[in-house]
N, C-alpha and C. Protein backbone atom coordinates (compact mmCIF):
# COMPACT_ATOMS: atom_id res chain seq x y z
N UNK A 1 56.88 -47.81 34.32
CA UNK A 1 56.86 -48.63 33.12
C UNK A 1 55.82 -48.10 32.14
N UNK A 2 56.21 -48.03 30.85
CA UNK A 2 55.23 -47.60 29.86
C UNK A 2 54.11 -48.63 29.70
N UNK A 3 52.91 -48.14 29.41
CA UNK A 3 51.80 -49.07 29.17
C UNK A 3 51.00 -48.60 27.96
N UNK A 4 50.42 -49.56 27.26
CA UNK A 4 49.60 -49.28 26.09
C UNK A 4 48.26 -48.71 26.56
N UNK A 5 47.93 -47.50 26.08
CA UNK A 5 46.68 -46.86 26.48
C UNK A 5 45.58 -47.16 25.46
N UNK A 6 45.94 -47.07 24.16
CA UNK A 6 44.95 -47.31 23.11
C UNK A 6 45.65 -47.70 21.82
N UNK A 7 44.90 -48.22 20.88
CA UNK A 7 45.41 -48.56 19.56
C UNK A 7 44.53 -47.88 18.52
N UNK A 8 45.15 -47.42 17.43
CA UNK A 8 44.39 -46.79 16.35
C UNK A 8 45.01 -47.24 15.04
N UNK A 9 44.24 -47.88 14.19
CA UNK A 9 44.74 -48.35 12.91
C UNK A 9 44.52 -47.27 11.84
N UNK A 10 45.60 -46.86 11.19
CA UNK A 10 45.51 -45.82 10.16
C UNK A 10 45.93 -46.31 8.78
N UNK A 11 46.58 -47.46 8.71
CA UNK A 11 47.10 -47.95 7.44
C UNK A 11 46.38 -49.22 7.01
N UNK A 12 46.42 -49.45 5.70
CA UNK A 12 45.90 -50.69 5.13
C UNK A 12 47.03 -51.31 4.32
N UNK A 13 46.76 -52.39 3.64
CA UNK A 13 47.78 -53.04 2.82
C UNK A 13 48.38 -52.08 1.82
N UNK A 14 49.69 -52.11 1.65
CA UNK A 14 50.36 -51.23 0.70
C UNK A 14 50.67 -49.86 1.25
N UNK A 15 50.42 -49.63 2.55
CA UNK A 15 50.70 -48.33 3.16
C UNK A 15 51.75 -48.48 4.26
N UNK A 16 52.60 -47.45 4.39
CA UNK A 16 53.66 -47.45 5.39
C UNK A 16 53.71 -46.10 6.08
N UNK A 17 53.84 -46.09 7.39
CA UNK A 17 54.01 -44.84 8.14
C UNK A 17 55.46 -44.38 7.94
N UNK A 18 55.64 -43.13 7.49
CA UNK A 18 56.99 -42.60 7.23
C UNK A 18 57.35 -41.43 8.14
N UNK A 19 56.42 -40.94 8.95
CA UNK A 19 56.74 -39.83 9.83
C UNK A 19 55.64 -39.55 10.84
N UNK A 20 56.03 -38.96 11.97
CA UNK A 20 55.10 -38.57 13.03
C UNK A 20 55.49 -37.19 13.55
N UNK A 21 54.50 -36.37 13.85
CA UNK A 21 54.73 -35.07 14.49
C UNK A 21 53.69 -34.90 15.59
N UNK A 22 54.12 -34.40 16.74
CA UNK A 22 53.21 -34.11 17.84
C UNK A 22 53.30 -32.62 18.15
N UNK A 23 52.15 -31.99 18.29
CA UNK A 23 52.08 -30.59 18.64
C UNK A 23 50.89 -30.41 19.57
N UNK A 24 51.17 -30.21 20.85
CA UNK A 24 50.13 -30.07 21.87
C UNK A 24 49.24 -31.32 21.86
N UNK A 25 47.97 -31.17 21.54
CA UNK A 25 47.05 -32.31 21.52
C UNK A 25 46.75 -32.80 20.11
N UNK A 26 47.69 -32.58 19.20
CA UNK A 26 47.53 -33.04 17.83
C UNK A 26 48.69 -33.96 17.46
N UNK A 27 48.36 -34.97 16.67
CA UNK A 27 49.35 -35.89 16.13
C UNK A 27 49.16 -35.92 14.62
N UNK A 28 50.25 -35.70 13.88
CA UNK A 28 50.21 -35.83 12.43
C UNK A 28 50.97 -37.10 12.07
N UNK A 29 50.34 -37.96 11.29
CA UNK A 29 50.95 -39.21 10.85
C UNK A 29 51.09 -39.12 9.33
N UNK A 30 52.33 -39.28 8.86
CA UNK A 30 52.60 -39.25 7.41
C UNK A 30 52.61 -40.70 6.93
N UNK A 31 51.79 -40.99 5.91
CA UNK A 31 51.63 -42.35 5.42
C UNK A 31 51.88 -42.37 3.91
N UNK A 32 52.75 -43.26 3.48
CA UNK A 32 53.02 -43.42 2.04
C UNK A 32 52.24 -44.63 1.55
N UNK A 33 51.64 -44.47 0.36
CA UNK A 33 50.79 -45.51 -0.20
C UNK A 33 51.02 -45.63 -1.69
N UNK A 34 50.64 -46.76 -2.24
CA UNK A 34 50.72 -46.96 -3.68
C UNK A 34 49.35 -47.15 -4.29
N UNK A 35 48.33 -46.70 -3.56
CA UNK A 35 46.96 -46.76 -4.08
C UNK A 35 46.33 -45.38 -3.92
N UNK A 36 45.78 -44.88 -5.01
CA UNK A 36 45.17 -43.55 -4.98
C UNK A 36 44.06 -43.51 -6.01
N UNK A 37 42.88 -43.19 -5.61
CA UNK A 37 41.72 -43.09 -6.49
C UNK A 37 41.51 -44.36 -7.30
N UNK A 38 41.74 -45.52 -6.68
CA UNK A 38 41.45 -46.78 -7.33
C UNK A 38 42.47 -47.24 -8.35
N UNK A 39 43.56 -46.50 -8.58
CA UNK A 39 44.56 -46.92 -9.55
C UNK A 39 45.92 -47.00 -8.89
N UNK A 40 46.84 -47.69 -9.56
CA UNK A 40 48.19 -47.85 -9.02
C UNK A 40 48.96 -46.55 -9.23
N UNK A 41 49.18 -45.84 -8.18
CA UNK A 41 49.96 -44.59 -8.26
C UNK A 41 50.45 -44.27 -6.86
N UNK A 42 51.68 -43.77 -6.74
CA UNK A 42 52.17 -43.40 -5.42
C UNK A 42 51.39 -42.22 -4.84
N UNK A 43 51.24 -42.24 -3.54
CA UNK A 43 50.46 -41.22 -2.85
C UNK A 43 51.00 -41.07 -1.44
N UNK A 44 50.96 -39.86 -0.92
CA UNK A 44 51.32 -39.60 0.46
C UNK A 44 50.09 -39.02 1.15
N UNK A 45 49.87 -39.47 2.36
CA UNK A 45 48.70 -39.01 3.11
C UNK A 45 49.19 -38.47 4.45
N UNK A 46 48.56 -37.39 4.90
CA UNK A 46 48.81 -36.90 6.25
C UNK A 46 47.48 -37.02 7.01
N UNK A 47 47.53 -37.76 8.10
CA UNK A 47 46.35 -37.91 8.95
C UNK A 47 46.59 -37.06 10.20
N UNK A 48 45.68 -36.13 10.46
CA UNK A 48 45.78 -35.29 11.66
C UNK A 48 44.79 -35.84 12.68
N UNK A 49 45.31 -36.15 13.88
CA UNK A 49 44.51 -36.76 14.92
C UNK A 49 44.46 -35.88 16.16
N UNK A 50 43.30 -35.91 16.82
CA UNK A 50 43.13 -35.25 18.12
C UNK A 50 43.47 -36.29 19.18
N UNK A 51 44.54 -36.03 19.95
CA UNK A 51 44.98 -36.98 20.97
C UNK A 51 44.74 -36.44 22.38
N UNK A 52 43.76 -35.53 22.52
CA UNK A 52 43.43 -34.97 23.83
C UNK A 52 43.06 -36.09 24.80
N UNK A 53 42.15 -36.96 24.37
CA UNK A 53 41.74 -38.11 25.16
C UNK A 53 42.50 -39.31 24.61
N UNK A 54 43.54 -39.73 25.33
CA UNK A 54 44.42 -40.79 24.85
C UNK A 54 43.70 -42.12 24.65
N UNK A 55 42.57 -42.30 25.33
CA UNK A 55 41.82 -43.55 25.17
C UNK A 55 40.78 -43.46 24.06
N UNK A 56 40.61 -42.27 23.50
CA UNK A 56 39.63 -42.08 22.43
C UNK A 56 40.20 -41.13 21.38
N UNK A 57 41.23 -41.58 20.68
CA UNK A 57 41.90 -40.77 19.65
C UNK A 57 40.98 -40.63 18.44
N UNK A 58 40.85 -39.40 17.93
CA UNK A 58 39.94 -39.14 16.81
C UNK A 58 40.71 -38.59 15.61
N UNK A 59 40.39 -39.08 14.42
CA UNK A 59 40.96 -38.55 13.19
C UNK A 59 40.19 -37.29 12.83
N UNK A 60 40.90 -36.16 12.75
CA UNK A 60 40.27 -34.89 12.38
C UNK A 60 40.16 -34.79 10.86
N UNK A 61 41.26 -35.15 10.17
CA UNK A 61 41.28 -35.01 8.71
C UNK A 61 42.37 -35.90 8.13
N UNK A 62 42.12 -36.45 6.96
CA UNK A 62 43.14 -37.14 6.17
C UNK A 62 43.25 -36.42 4.85
N UNK A 63 44.46 -36.03 4.49
CA UNK A 63 44.71 -35.27 3.26
C UNK A 63 45.65 -36.08 2.38
N UNK A 64 45.24 -36.34 1.15
CA UNK A 64 46.04 -37.09 0.19
C UNK A 64 46.80 -36.16 -0.73
N UNK A 65 47.98 -36.58 -1.13
CA UNK A 65 48.82 -35.80 -2.04
C UNK A 65 49.53 -36.77 -2.99
N UNK A 66 49.47 -36.49 -4.29
CA UNK A 66 50.14 -37.34 -5.28
C UNK A 66 51.64 -37.37 -5.07
N UNK A 67 52.24 -38.50 -5.38
CA UNK A 67 53.70 -38.59 -5.44
C UNK A 67 54.30 -39.50 -4.40
N UNK A 68 55.60 -39.76 -4.61
CA UNK A 68 56.40 -40.50 -3.64
C UNK A 68 56.80 -39.56 -2.51
N UNK A 69 56.82 -40.06 -1.30
CA UNK A 69 57.24 -39.26 -0.16
C UNK A 69 58.67 -38.78 -0.37
N UNK A 70 58.90 -37.48 -0.19
CA UNK A 70 60.24 -36.90 -0.28
C UNK A 70 60.72 -36.52 1.12
N UNK A 71 59.93 -35.70 1.81
CA UNK A 71 60.33 -35.22 3.13
C UNK A 71 59.13 -34.54 3.78
N UNK A 72 59.31 -34.17 5.04
CA UNK A 72 58.30 -33.37 5.73
C UNK A 72 58.99 -32.60 6.83
N UNK A 73 58.37 -31.51 7.24
CA UNK A 73 58.90 -30.67 8.32
C UNK A 73 57.72 -30.10 9.10
N UNK A 74 57.96 -29.80 10.38
CA UNK A 74 56.95 -29.10 11.17
C UNK A 74 57.57 -27.81 11.69
N UNK A 75 56.89 -26.70 11.44
CA UNK A 75 57.29 -25.40 11.95
C UNK A 75 56.09 -24.83 12.69
N UNK A 76 56.22 -24.69 13.99
CA UNK A 76 55.09 -24.21 14.79
C UNK A 76 53.92 -25.16 14.69
N UNK A 77 52.76 -24.65 14.29
CA UNK A 77 51.55 -25.46 14.15
C UNK A 77 51.36 -26.00 12.74
N UNK A 78 52.36 -25.84 11.87
CA UNK A 78 52.22 -26.20 10.46
C UNK A 78 53.15 -27.35 10.09
N UNK A 79 52.58 -28.34 9.40
CA UNK A 79 53.38 -29.43 8.84
C UNK A 79 53.47 -29.21 7.34
N UNK A 80 54.68 -29.30 6.81
CA UNK A 80 54.93 -29.19 5.37
C UNK A 80 55.20 -30.59 4.85
N UNK A 81 54.44 -31.00 3.87
CA UNK A 81 54.56 -32.33 3.28
C UNK A 81 55.09 -32.19 1.86
N UNK A 82 56.18 -32.90 1.54
CA UNK A 82 56.82 -32.82 0.23
C UNK A 82 56.78 -34.19 -0.44
N UNK A 83 56.39 -34.20 -1.71
CA UNK A 83 56.39 -35.44 -2.48
C UNK A 83 56.90 -35.15 -3.89
N UNK A 84 57.40 -36.19 -4.54
CA UNK A 84 57.82 -36.10 -5.95
C UNK A 84 56.79 -36.85 -6.78
N UNK A 85 56.15 -36.13 -7.68
CA UNK A 85 55.10 -36.70 -8.52
C UNK A 85 55.59 -36.76 -9.97
N UNK A 86 55.68 -37.97 -10.51
CA UNK A 86 56.12 -38.15 -11.89
C UNK A 86 54.91 -38.19 -12.81
N UNK A 87 54.95 -37.41 -13.89
CA UNK A 87 53.85 -37.38 -14.85
C UNK A 87 53.90 -38.65 -15.69
N UNK A 88 52.80 -39.35 -15.75
CA UNK A 88 52.73 -40.61 -16.49
C UNK A 88 52.42 -40.35 -17.96
N UNK A 89 52.41 -41.41 -18.73
CA UNK A 89 52.21 -41.29 -20.18
C UNK A 89 50.75 -41.16 -20.60
N UNK A 90 49.82 -41.41 -19.72
CA UNK A 90 48.39 -41.38 -20.08
C UNK A 90 47.76 -39.99 -19.89
N UNK A 91 48.35 -38.99 -20.51
CA UNK A 91 47.87 -37.61 -20.39
C UNK A 91 46.64 -37.40 -21.27
N UNK A 92 45.62 -36.77 -20.70
CA UNK A 92 44.42 -36.39 -21.44
C UNK A 92 44.25 -34.88 -21.30
N UNK A 93 44.23 -34.19 -22.42
CA UNK A 93 44.21 -32.73 -22.44
C UNK A 93 43.12 -32.13 -21.56
N UNK A 94 41.94 -32.73 -21.54
CA UNK A 94 40.81 -32.17 -20.80
C UNK A 94 40.74 -32.63 -19.34
N UNK A 95 41.74 -33.42 -18.89
CA UNK A 95 41.75 -33.90 -17.52
C UNK A 95 43.06 -33.48 -16.86
N UNK A 96 43.02 -32.35 -16.16
CA UNK A 96 44.23 -31.80 -15.53
C UNK A 96 44.88 -32.80 -14.59
N UNK A 97 44.08 -33.63 -13.93
CA UNK A 97 44.64 -34.58 -12.98
C UNK A 97 45.55 -35.63 -13.63
N UNK A 98 45.57 -35.72 -14.97
CA UNK A 98 46.47 -36.66 -15.64
C UNK A 98 47.86 -36.06 -15.87
N UNK A 99 48.01 -34.76 -15.68
CA UNK A 99 49.33 -34.14 -15.87
C UNK A 99 49.68 -33.09 -14.80
N UNK A 100 48.78 -32.87 -13.86
CA UNK A 100 49.02 -31.95 -12.75
C UNK A 100 48.79 -32.72 -11.45
N UNK A 101 49.67 -32.59 -10.47
CA UNK A 101 49.46 -33.30 -9.20
C UNK A 101 48.18 -32.87 -8.50
N UNK A 102 47.61 -33.80 -7.75
CA UNK A 102 46.40 -33.52 -6.97
C UNK A 102 46.72 -33.50 -5.48
N UNK A 103 46.05 -32.62 -4.77
CA UNK A 103 46.09 -32.58 -3.32
C UNK A 103 44.64 -32.62 -2.86
N UNK A 104 44.33 -33.55 -1.98
CA UNK A 104 42.97 -33.74 -1.50
C UNK A 104 41.99 -33.94 -2.66
N UNK A 105 42.42 -34.75 -3.63
CA UNK A 105 41.63 -35.16 -4.79
C UNK A 105 41.28 -34.03 -5.76
N UNK A 106 42.00 -32.92 -5.71
CA UNK A 106 41.77 -31.82 -6.66
C UNK A 106 43.12 -31.41 -7.27
N UNK A 107 43.13 -31.19 -8.58
CA UNK A 107 44.35 -30.76 -9.26
C UNK A 107 44.80 -29.41 -8.69
N UNK A 108 46.10 -29.26 -8.48
CA UNK A 108 46.64 -28.00 -7.98
C UNK A 108 46.35 -26.90 -9.00
N UNK A 109 45.93 -25.75 -8.51
CA UNK A 109 45.58 -24.61 -9.36
C UNK A 109 46.77 -24.15 -10.20
N UNK A 110 46.50 -23.72 -11.42
CA UNK A 110 47.58 -23.26 -12.31
C UNK A 110 48.34 -22.07 -11.72
N UNK A 111 47.71 -21.31 -10.84
CA UNK A 111 48.40 -20.19 -10.20
C UNK A 111 49.41 -20.66 -9.15
N UNK A 112 49.33 -21.94 -8.79
CA UNK A 112 50.24 -22.51 -7.79
C UNK A 112 51.26 -23.46 -8.42
N UNK A 113 51.44 -23.36 -9.73
CA UNK A 113 52.41 -24.22 -10.42
C UNK A 113 53.54 -23.35 -10.96
N UNK A 114 54.75 -23.84 -10.77
CA UNK A 114 55.96 -23.15 -11.23
C UNK A 114 56.77 -24.15 -12.06
N UNK A 115 57.44 -23.65 -13.09
CA UNK A 115 58.30 -24.49 -13.92
C UNK A 115 59.74 -24.01 -13.78
N UNK A 116 60.63 -24.93 -13.41
CA UNK A 116 62.05 -24.62 -13.30
C UNK A 116 62.66 -24.66 -14.69
N UNK A 117 63.44 -23.65 -15.03
CA UNK A 117 64.08 -23.59 -16.34
C UNK A 117 65.02 -24.78 -16.52
N UNK A 118 65.03 -25.35 -17.72
CA UNK A 118 65.91 -26.46 -18.08
C UNK A 118 65.70 -27.72 -17.24
N UNK A 119 64.49 -27.99 -16.82
CA UNK A 119 64.26 -29.22 -16.07
C UNK A 119 64.44 -30.42 -16.99
N UNK A 120 64.88 -31.54 -16.42
CA UNK A 120 65.13 -32.75 -17.20
C UNK A 120 63.98 -33.74 -17.16
N UNK A 121 63.36 -33.87 -16.03
CA UNK A 121 62.38 -34.92 -15.82
C UNK A 121 60.98 -34.34 -15.69
N UNK A 122 59.98 -35.03 -16.28
CA UNK A 122 58.60 -34.56 -16.10
C UNK A 122 58.10 -34.93 -14.71
N UNK A 123 58.74 -34.35 -13.71
CA UNK A 123 58.45 -34.67 -12.32
C UNK A 123 58.25 -33.37 -11.55
N UNK A 124 57.26 -33.37 -10.68
CA UNK A 124 56.96 -32.20 -9.85
C UNK A 124 57.44 -32.43 -8.42
N UNK A 125 57.88 -31.37 -7.78
CA UNK A 125 57.96 -31.35 -6.33
C UNK A 125 56.63 -30.76 -5.88
N UNK A 126 55.91 -31.49 -5.03
CA UNK A 126 54.62 -31.02 -4.52
C UNK A 126 54.82 -30.69 -3.04
N UNK A 127 54.46 -29.47 -2.65
CA UNK A 127 54.61 -29.04 -1.27
C UNK A 127 53.25 -28.54 -0.77
N UNK A 128 52.80 -29.12 0.33
CA UNK A 128 51.55 -28.68 0.96
C UNK A 128 51.84 -28.29 2.40
N UNK A 129 51.13 -27.29 2.87
CA UNK A 129 51.21 -26.90 4.28
C UNK A 129 49.86 -27.21 4.92
N UNK A 130 49.93 -27.83 6.12
CA UNK A 130 48.72 -28.26 6.81
C UNK A 130 48.72 -27.69 8.22
N UNK A 131 47.62 -27.06 8.58
CA UNK A 131 47.43 -26.52 9.93
C UNK A 131 47.10 -27.68 10.86
N UNK A 132 47.97 -27.95 11.82
CA UNK A 132 47.78 -29.08 12.74
C UNK A 132 46.56 -28.89 13.63
N UNK A 133 46.30 -27.69 14.08
CA UNK A 133 45.19 -27.45 15.00
C UNK A 133 43.85 -27.69 14.31
N UNK A 134 43.70 -27.15 13.10
CA UNK A 134 42.43 -27.26 12.37
C UNK A 134 42.34 -28.50 11.50
N UNK A 135 43.50 -29.08 11.15
CA UNK A 135 43.50 -30.21 10.23
C UNK A 135 43.10 -29.79 8.83
N UNK A 136 43.55 -28.60 8.42
CA UNK A 136 43.17 -28.06 7.10
C UNK A 136 44.41 -27.70 6.29
N UNK A 137 44.25 -27.79 4.97
CA UNK A 137 45.32 -27.35 4.07
C UNK A 137 45.38 -25.83 4.10
N UNK A 138 46.57 -25.28 4.30
CA UNK A 138 46.76 -23.83 4.23
C UNK A 138 47.08 -23.43 2.81
N UNK A 139 48.03 -24.14 2.20
CA UNK A 139 48.50 -23.78 0.86
C UNK A 139 49.16 -25.01 0.24
N UNK A 140 49.32 -24.95 -1.09
CA UNK A 140 50.11 -25.98 -1.78
C UNK A 140 50.69 -25.39 -3.05
N UNK A 141 51.74 -26.04 -3.52
CA UNK A 141 52.38 -25.62 -4.76
C UNK A 141 52.99 -26.84 -5.42
N UNK A 142 53.17 -26.76 -6.73
CA UNK A 142 53.84 -27.82 -7.49
C UNK A 142 54.88 -27.16 -8.38
N UNK A 143 56.09 -27.69 -8.33
CA UNK A 143 57.19 -27.12 -9.11
C UNK A 143 57.69 -28.19 -10.08
N UNK A 144 57.51 -27.95 -11.37
CA UNK A 144 57.93 -28.90 -12.38
C UNK A 144 59.44 -28.89 -12.46
N UNK A 145 60.04 -30.03 -12.24
CA UNK A 145 61.49 -30.15 -12.22
C UNK A 145 61.95 -31.10 -11.12
N UNK A 146 61.06 -31.45 -10.20
CA UNK A 146 61.38 -32.42 -9.15
C UNK A 146 62.35 -31.89 -8.12
N UNK A 147 62.70 -32.74 -7.16
CA UNK A 147 63.61 -32.34 -6.08
C UNK A 147 64.35 -33.55 -5.56
N UNK A 148 65.52 -33.25 -4.99
CA UNK A 148 66.31 -34.31 -4.38
C UNK A 148 66.49 -34.01 -2.90
N UNK A 149 67.51 -33.28 -2.53
CA UNK A 149 67.80 -32.97 -1.12
C UNK A 149 66.98 -31.78 -0.64
N UNK A 150 66.60 -31.82 0.65
CA UNK A 150 65.76 -30.77 1.22
C UNK A 150 66.39 -30.27 2.52
N UNK A 151 66.37 -28.95 2.70
CA UNK A 151 66.76 -28.32 3.96
C UNK A 151 65.69 -27.29 4.28
N UNK A 152 65.37 -27.15 5.56
CA UNK A 152 64.33 -26.20 5.94
C UNK A 152 64.71 -25.51 7.24
N UNK A 153 64.47 -24.19 7.31
CA UNK A 153 64.58 -23.48 8.57
C UNK A 153 63.20 -22.90 8.88
N UNK A 154 63.09 -21.97 9.79
CA UNK A 154 61.78 -21.44 10.17
C UNK A 154 61.12 -20.55 9.12
N UNK A 155 61.88 -20.07 8.14
CA UNK A 155 61.33 -19.14 7.16
C UNK A 155 61.42 -19.60 5.73
N UNK A 156 62.33 -20.54 5.42
CA UNK A 156 62.55 -20.94 4.03
C UNK A 156 62.77 -22.43 3.91
N UNK A 157 62.45 -22.93 2.74
CA UNK A 157 62.73 -24.31 2.39
C UNK A 157 63.65 -24.28 1.17
N UNK A 158 64.73 -25.02 1.24
CA UNK A 158 65.67 -25.10 0.13
C UNK A 158 65.69 -26.54 -0.37
N UNK A 159 65.76 -26.72 -1.69
CA UNK A 159 65.92 -28.07 -2.22
C UNK A 159 66.82 -28.02 -3.44
N UNK A 160 67.33 -29.18 -3.81
CA UNK A 160 68.23 -29.26 -4.95
C UNK A 160 67.65 -30.18 -6.01
N UNK A 161 68.06 -29.95 -7.24
CA UNK A 161 67.87 -30.91 -8.32
C UNK A 161 69.10 -30.85 -9.21
N UNK A 162 69.42 -31.97 -9.83
CA UNK A 162 70.64 -32.08 -10.62
C UNK A 162 70.32 -32.34 -12.08
N UNK A 163 71.01 -31.60 -12.95
CA UNK A 163 70.88 -31.78 -14.39
C UNK A 163 72.13 -32.52 -14.87
N UNK A 164 71.92 -33.55 -15.67
CA UNK A 164 73.02 -34.37 -16.18
C UNK A 164 73.22 -34.08 -17.66
N UNK A 165 74.45 -33.82 -18.05
CA UNK A 165 74.76 -33.55 -19.46
C UNK A 165 75.85 -34.50 -19.93
N UNK A 166 75.71 -34.93 -21.18
CA UNK A 166 76.71 -35.81 -21.79
C UNK A 166 77.18 -35.12 -23.06
N UNK A 167 78.49 -35.03 -23.24
CA UNK A 167 79.04 -34.44 -24.46
C UNK A 167 80.13 -35.35 -25.00
N UNK A 168 80.32 -35.28 -26.32
CA UNK A 168 81.35 -36.09 -26.96
C UNK A 168 82.16 -35.21 -27.90
N UNK A 169 83.48 -35.20 -27.69
CA UNK A 169 84.39 -34.42 -28.52
C UNK A 169 85.54 -35.32 -28.94
N UNK A 170 85.69 -35.43 -30.23
CA UNK A 170 86.76 -36.26 -30.80
C UNK A 170 86.80 -37.65 -30.19
N UNK A 171 85.64 -38.27 -30.06
CA UNK A 171 85.55 -39.62 -29.54
C UNK A 171 85.64 -39.74 -28.03
N UNK A 172 85.87 -38.64 -27.35
CA UNK A 172 85.97 -38.66 -25.89
C UNK A 172 84.63 -38.22 -25.29
N UNK A 173 84.06 -39.07 -24.44
CA UNK A 173 82.78 -38.78 -23.81
C UNK A 173 83.01 -38.18 -22.44
N UNK A 174 82.34 -37.06 -22.19
CA UNK A 174 82.43 -36.40 -20.89
C UNK A 174 81.03 -36.24 -20.31
N UNK A 175 80.96 -36.42 -19.00
CA UNK A 175 79.70 -36.25 -18.29
C UNK A 175 79.84 -35.07 -17.34
N UNK A 176 78.79 -34.27 -17.29
CA UNK A 176 78.81 -33.10 -16.43
C UNK A 176 77.50 -33.05 -15.65
N UNK A 177 77.60 -32.82 -14.36
CA UNK A 177 76.42 -32.66 -13.51
C UNK A 177 76.36 -31.23 -13.01
N UNK A 178 75.18 -30.66 -13.07
CA UNK A 178 74.99 -29.30 -12.58
C UNK A 178 73.85 -29.31 -11.57
N UNK A 179 74.14 -28.92 -10.33
CA UNK A 179 73.14 -28.91 -9.28
C UNK A 179 72.62 -27.50 -9.06
N UNK A 180 71.31 -27.39 -8.99
CA UNK A 180 70.65 -26.11 -8.75
C UNK A 180 70.00 -26.14 -7.38
N UNK A 181 70.10 -25.04 -6.65
CA UNK A 181 69.45 -24.91 -5.35
C UNK A 181 68.28 -23.94 -5.52
N UNK A 182 67.11 -24.36 -5.08
CA UNK A 182 65.90 -23.55 -5.19
C UNK A 182 65.44 -23.19 -3.78
N UNK A 183 65.01 -21.95 -3.61
CA UNK A 183 64.53 -21.47 -2.31
C UNK A 183 63.04 -21.16 -2.39
N UNK A 184 62.29 -21.69 -1.43
CA UNK A 184 60.88 -21.37 -1.28
C UNK A 184 60.70 -20.64 0.04
N UNK A 185 59.90 -19.59 0.03
CA UNK A 185 59.62 -18.84 1.25
C UNK A 185 58.43 -19.48 1.95
N UNK A 186 58.54 -19.63 3.27
CA UNK A 186 57.45 -20.19 4.08
C UNK A 186 57.08 -19.16 5.14
N UNK A 187 55.92 -18.59 5.03
CA UNK A 187 55.49 -17.61 6.02
C UNK A 187 54.04 -17.88 6.37
N UNK A 188 53.81 -18.24 7.64
CA UNK A 188 52.46 -18.56 8.11
C UNK A 188 51.78 -19.62 7.26
N UNK A 189 52.57 -20.58 6.76
CA UNK A 189 52.02 -21.66 5.96
C UNK A 189 51.88 -21.35 4.48
N UNK A 190 52.12 -20.10 4.09
CA UNK A 190 52.03 -19.71 2.68
C UNK A 190 53.38 -20.03 2.01
N UNK A 191 53.31 -20.75 0.88
CA UNK A 191 54.49 -21.18 0.17
C UNK A 191 54.68 -20.29 -1.05
N UNK A 192 55.82 -19.61 -1.15
CA UNK A 192 56.09 -18.71 -2.28
C UNK A 192 57.38 -19.11 -2.96
N UNK A 193 57.35 -19.15 -4.30
CA UNK A 193 58.53 -19.48 -5.09
C UNK A 193 59.28 -18.22 -5.45
């Protein structure tokens, strides 16, 4: 019969566990929240725990990432966390964090930002890779254009986004949807567009 060995509280009000990964003596818990840096904004957190001693579980690291939870994957010792971050209207030119997603409370570097041609929404797909053993961020990227569906294998991550067009000819309205598939390379936790 299963028995409860220990309890560990990782969430507070407004937070929900959306995923779990176990790798050897590490547990990654994906938590979605609507509180970040004291303001109302969606946020995803990955908590990496050492579960070697089941009666004394320790949090190694908690990493925050802007956006609504989209998906996550684990490949080997690496967890990939994906979120959709929508740019709000309160942009301040001298504060990158008002228009660039943050990971671990720092705006993603401009060298790690990509813009998809003809994007419709001011929304980013944010992808971070986290080393489960060390509890550290390996890499992150933000792609302006957002994402919908996600597929991942051991070497690549694919996602889609859809562009909606409306045209009117001689009083007849037509709607057209165009879906684009984007491929990201994943090698040893490094994310390449």
